[in-house]
């Protein structure tokens, strides 16, 4: 039996909230995922709950968000990038990054990739 599903996505200021508008929970659409501004997807349901064509739409939005986020981030100067990266890191990640004695230009690419995964 096919379960009712109608994809709904909305921006609430901290990324994209992904819902099934065919199902109500606690007076609102059922939350099924969140896409961060950097394009990282957090699922609140098992991926098999989401029809394949809707999963494709979700992944495409996430990919588009990731590309825009990376482009906008990399347009900033290196020191601004480094500062934003360090502000988002856990203490252990921060210590690892600041103890790395390579010049900033050498370590920034690696730090960006770590940042994109958690942003």
C-alpha atoms as a PDB file:
ATOM      1  CA  UNK A   1       0.000   0.000   0.000  1.00  0.00           C
ATOM      2  CA  UNK A   2       1.348   3.384  -0.975  1.00  0.00           C
ATOM      3  CA  UNK A   3       1.607   5.822   1.912  1.00  0.00           C
ATOM      4  CA  UNK A   4       0.422   9.403   1.367  1.00  0.00           C
ATOM      5  CA  UNK A   5       3.251  11.714   0.409  1.00  0.00           C
ATOM      6  CA  UNK A   6       3.381  15.282  -0.885  1.00  0.00           C
ATOM      7  CA  UNK A   7       6.771  17.000  -0.800  1.00  0.00           C
ATOM      8  CA  UNK A   8       6.889  20.461   0.752  1.00  0.00           C
ATOM      9  CA  UNK A   9      10.037  22.547   1.223  1.00  0.00           C
ATOM     10  CA  UNK A  10      10.277  25.875   2.990  1.00  0.00           C
ATOM     11  CA  UNK A  11      13.021  28.201   4.149  1.00  0.00           C
ATOM     12  CA  UNK A  12      12.740  29.194   7.786  1.00  0.00           C
ATOM     13  CA  UNK A  13      15.983  31.165   7.988  1.00  0.00           C
ATOM     14  CA  UNK A  14      18.407  28.366   8.778  1.00  0.00           C
ATOM     15  CA  UNK A  15      18.291  26.306   5.617  1.00  0.00           C
ATOM     16  CA  UNK A  16      15.466  24.375   4.007  1.00  0.00           C
ATOM     17  CA  UNK A  17      12.920  22.410   6.014  1.00  0.00           C
ATOM     18  CA  UNK A  18      11.634  19.390   4.096  1.00  0.00           C
ATOM     19  CA  UNK A  19       8.168  18.071   4.959  1.00  0.00           C
ATOM     20  CA  UNK A  20       5.479  15.634   3.900  1.00  0.00           C
ATOM     21  CA  UNK A  21       2.450  17.908   3.641  1.00  0.00           C
ATOM     22  CA  UNK A  22       0.124  14.907   3.265  1.00  0.00           C
ATOM     23  CA  UNK A  23       0.747  13.956   6.911  1.00  0.00           C
ATOM     24  CA  UNK A  24       0.118  16.163   9.941  1.00  0.00           C
ATOM     25  CA  UNK A  25       2.060  15.779  13.205  1.00  0.00           C
ATOM     26  CA  UNK A  26       1.443  18.009  16.208  1.00  0.00           C
ATOM     27  CA  UNK A  27      -0.562  20.421  14.069  1.00  0.00           C
ATOM     28  CA  UNK A  28       2.094  20.836  11.368  1.00  0.00           C
ATOM     29  CA  UNK A  29       3.421  19.010   8.333  1.00  0.00           C
ATOM     30  CA  UNK A  30       5.566  15.962   9.119  1.00  0.00           C
ATOM     31  CA  UNK A  31       9.245  16.980   9.109  1.00  0.00           C
ATOM     32  CA  UNK A  32      11.274  14.523   7.080  1.00  0.00           C
ATOM     33  CA  UNK A  33      14.601  16.303   6.587  1.00  0.00           C
ATOM     34  CA  UNK A  34      16.575  19.516   6.852  1.00  0.00           C
ATOM     35  CA  UNK A  35      19.028  20.916   4.303  1.00  0.00           C
ATOM     36  CA  UNK A  36      21.639  23.217   5.829  1.00  0.00           C
ATOM     37  CA  UNK A  37      22.667  26.376   3.946  1.00  0.00           C
ATOM     38  CA  UNK A  38      25.824  24.433   2.969  1.00  0.00           C
ATOM     39  CA  UNK A  39      23.712  21.658   1.422  1.00  0.00           C
ATOM     40  CA  UNK A  40      24.113  19.037   4.156  1.00  0.00           C
ATOM     41  CA  UNK A  41      21.010  16.883   4.551  1.00  0.00           C
ATOM     42  CA  UNK A  42      19.814  15.584   7.924  1.00  0.00           C
ATOM     43  CA  UNK A  43      17.056  13.006   7.583  1.00  0.00           C
ATOM     44  CA  UNK A  44      14.422  12.619  10.303  1.00  0.00           C
ATOM     45  CA  UNK A  45      12.874   9.558   8.622  1.00  0.00           C
ATOM     46  CA  UNK A  46      14.395   6.546   6.910  1.00  0.00           C
ATOM     47  CA  UNK A  47      15.244   7.409   3.317  1.00  0.00           C
ATOM     48  CA  UNK A  48      12.954   4.611   2.100  1.00  0.00           C
ATOM     49  CA  UNK A  49      10.003   6.678   3.432  1.00  0.00           C
ATOM     50  CA  UNK A  50      10.631   9.243   0.672  1.00  0.00           C
ATOM     51  CA  UNK A  51       9.564   8.396  -2.904  1.00  0.00           C
ATOM     52  CA  UNK A  52      12.477   8.210  -5.346  1.00  0.00           C
ATOM     53  CA  UNK A  53      11.404  11.195  -7.450  1.00  0.00           C
ATOM     54  CA  UNK A  54      11.074  13.349  -4.316  1.00  0.00           C
ATOM     55  CA  UNK A  55      14.435  12.137  -3.017  1.00  0.00           C
ATOM     56  CA  UNK A  56      15.950  13.308  -6.309  1.00  0.00           C
ATOM     57  CA  UNK A  57      14.382  16.754  -5.819  1.00  0.00           C
ATOM     58  CA  UNK A  58      15.743  16.947  -2.259  1.00  0.00           C
ATOM     59  CA  UNK A  59      19.249  15.942  -3.354  1.00  0.00           C
ATOM     60  CA  UNK A  60      19.157  18.436  -6.247  1.00  0.00           C
ATOM     61  CA  UNK A  61      18.197  21.294  -3.903  1.00  0.00           C
ATOM     62  CA  UNK A  62      20.980  20.254  -1.517  1.00  0.00           C
ATOM     63  CA  UNK A  63      23.504  20.149  -4.364  1.00  0.00           C
ATOM     64  CA  UNK A  64      22.438  23.595  -5.573  1.00  0.00           C
ATOM     65  CA  UNK A  65      22.637  25.010  -2.031  1.00  0.00           C
ATOM     66  CA  UNK A  66      26.111  23.492  -1.578  1.00  0.00           C
ATOM     67  CA  UNK A  67      27.392  25.014  -4.814  1.00  0.00           C
ATOM     68  CA  UNK A  68      26.067  28.475  -3.908  1.00  0.00           C
ATOM     69  CA  UNK A  69      27.407  28.234  -0.349  1.00  0.00           C
ATOM     70  CA  UNK A  70      30.884  27.227  -1.547  1.00  0.00           C
ATOM     71  CA  UNK A  71      30.966  29.938  -4.203  1.00  0.00           C
ATOM     72  CA  UNK A  72      29.878  32.670  -1.774  1.00  0.00           C
ATOM     73  CA  UNK A  73      32.272  31.439   0.925  1.00  0.00           C
ATOM     74  CA  UNK A  74      35.269  31.272  -1.396  1.00  0.00           C
ATOM     75  CA  UNK A  75      34.630  34.834  -2.614  1.00  0.00           C
ATOM     76  CA  UNK A  76      35.653  36.046   0.858  1.00  0.00           C
ATOM     77  CA  UNK A  77      39.281  36.794   1.653  1.00  0.00           C
ATOM     78  CA  UNK A  78      41.382  34.021   3.237  1.00  0.00           C
ATOM     79  CA  UNK A  79      41.431  35.514   6.743  1.00  0.00           C
ATOM     80  CA  UNK A  80      37.649  35.869   6.816  1.00  0.00           C
ATOM     81  CA  UNK A  81      37.294  32.258   5.661  1.00  0.00           C
ATOM     82  CA  UNK A  82      39.763  31.067   8.291  1.00  0.00           C
ATOM     83  CA  UNK A  83      37.934  32.982  11.012  1.00  0.00           C
ATOM     84  CA  UNK A  84      34.525  31.576  10.037  1.00  0.00           C
ATOM     85  CA  UNK A  85      35.966  28.065   9.834  1.00  0.00           C
ATOM     86  CA  UNK A  86      37.565  28.274  13.282  1.00  0.00           C
ATOM     87  CA  UNK A  87      34.374  29.746  14.782  1.00  0.00           C
ATOM     88  CA  UNK A  88      32.421  26.687  13.639  1.00  0.00           C
ATOM     89  CA  UNK A  89      34.922  24.014  14.714  1.00  0.00           C
ATOM     90  CA  UNK A  90      34.751  21.978  17.889  1.00  0.00           C
ATOM     91  CA  UNK A  91      37.583  22.550  20.366  1.00  0.00           C
ATOM     92  CA  UNK A  92      39.554  19.556  19.120  1.00  0.00           C
ATOM     93  CA  UNK A  93      39.149  20.601  15.472  1.00  0.00           C
ATOM     94  CA  UNK A  94      40.136  24.162  16.400  1.00  0.00           C
ATOM     95  CA  UNK A  95      43.288  22.988  18.164  1.00  0.00           C
ATOM     96  CA  UNK A  96      44.246  20.727  15.275  1.00  0.00           C
ATOM     97  CA  UNK A  97      43.815  23.582  12.775  1.00  0.00           C
ATOM     98  CA  UNK A  98      45.699  26.172  14.822  1.00  0.00           C
ATOM     99  CA  UNK A  99      48.546  23.772  15.663  1.00  0.00           C
ATOM    100  CA  UNK A 100      49.083  23.106  11.954  1.00  0.00           C
ATOM    101  CA  UNK A 101      52.104  25.296  11.208  1.00  0.00           C
ATOM    102  CA  UNK A 102      51.706  25.309   7.425  1.00  0.00           C
ATOM    103  CA  UNK A 103      50.977  28.672   5.845  1.00  0.00           C
ATOM    104  CA  UNK A 104      47.272  29.489   5.676  1.00  0.00           C
ATOM    105  CA  UNK A 105      47.212  29.244   1.883  1.00  0.00           C
ATOM    106  CA  UNK A 106      48.453  25.631   2.125  1.00  0.00           C
ATOM    107  CA  UNK A 107      45.989  24.416   4.734  1.00  0.00           C
ATOM    108  CA  UNK A 108      42.894  26.434   3.754  1.00  0.00           C
ATOM    109  CA  UNK A 109      41.647  24.010   1.077  1.00  0.00           C
ATOM    110  CA  UNK A 110      41.638  21.126   3.575  1.00  0.00           C
ATOM    111  CA  UNK A 111      39.991  23.269   6.261  1.00  0.00           C
ATOM    112  CA  UNK A 112      37.282  24.387   3.833  1.00  0.00           C
ATOM    113  CA  UNK A 113      36.327  20.766   3.107  1.00  0.00           C
ATOM    114  CA  UNK A 114      36.001  20.037   6.830  1.00  0.00           C
ATOM    115  CA  UNK A 115      33.921  23.189   7.251  1.00  0.00           C
ATOM    116  CA  UNK A 116      31.580  22.356   4.373  1.00  0.00           C
ATOM    117  CA  UNK A 117      30.755  19.010   5.997  1.00  0.00           C
ATOM    118  CA  UNK A 118      29.588  20.630   9.224  1.00  0.00           C
ATOM    119  CA  UNK A 119      28.156  23.954   8.015  1.00  0.00           C
END
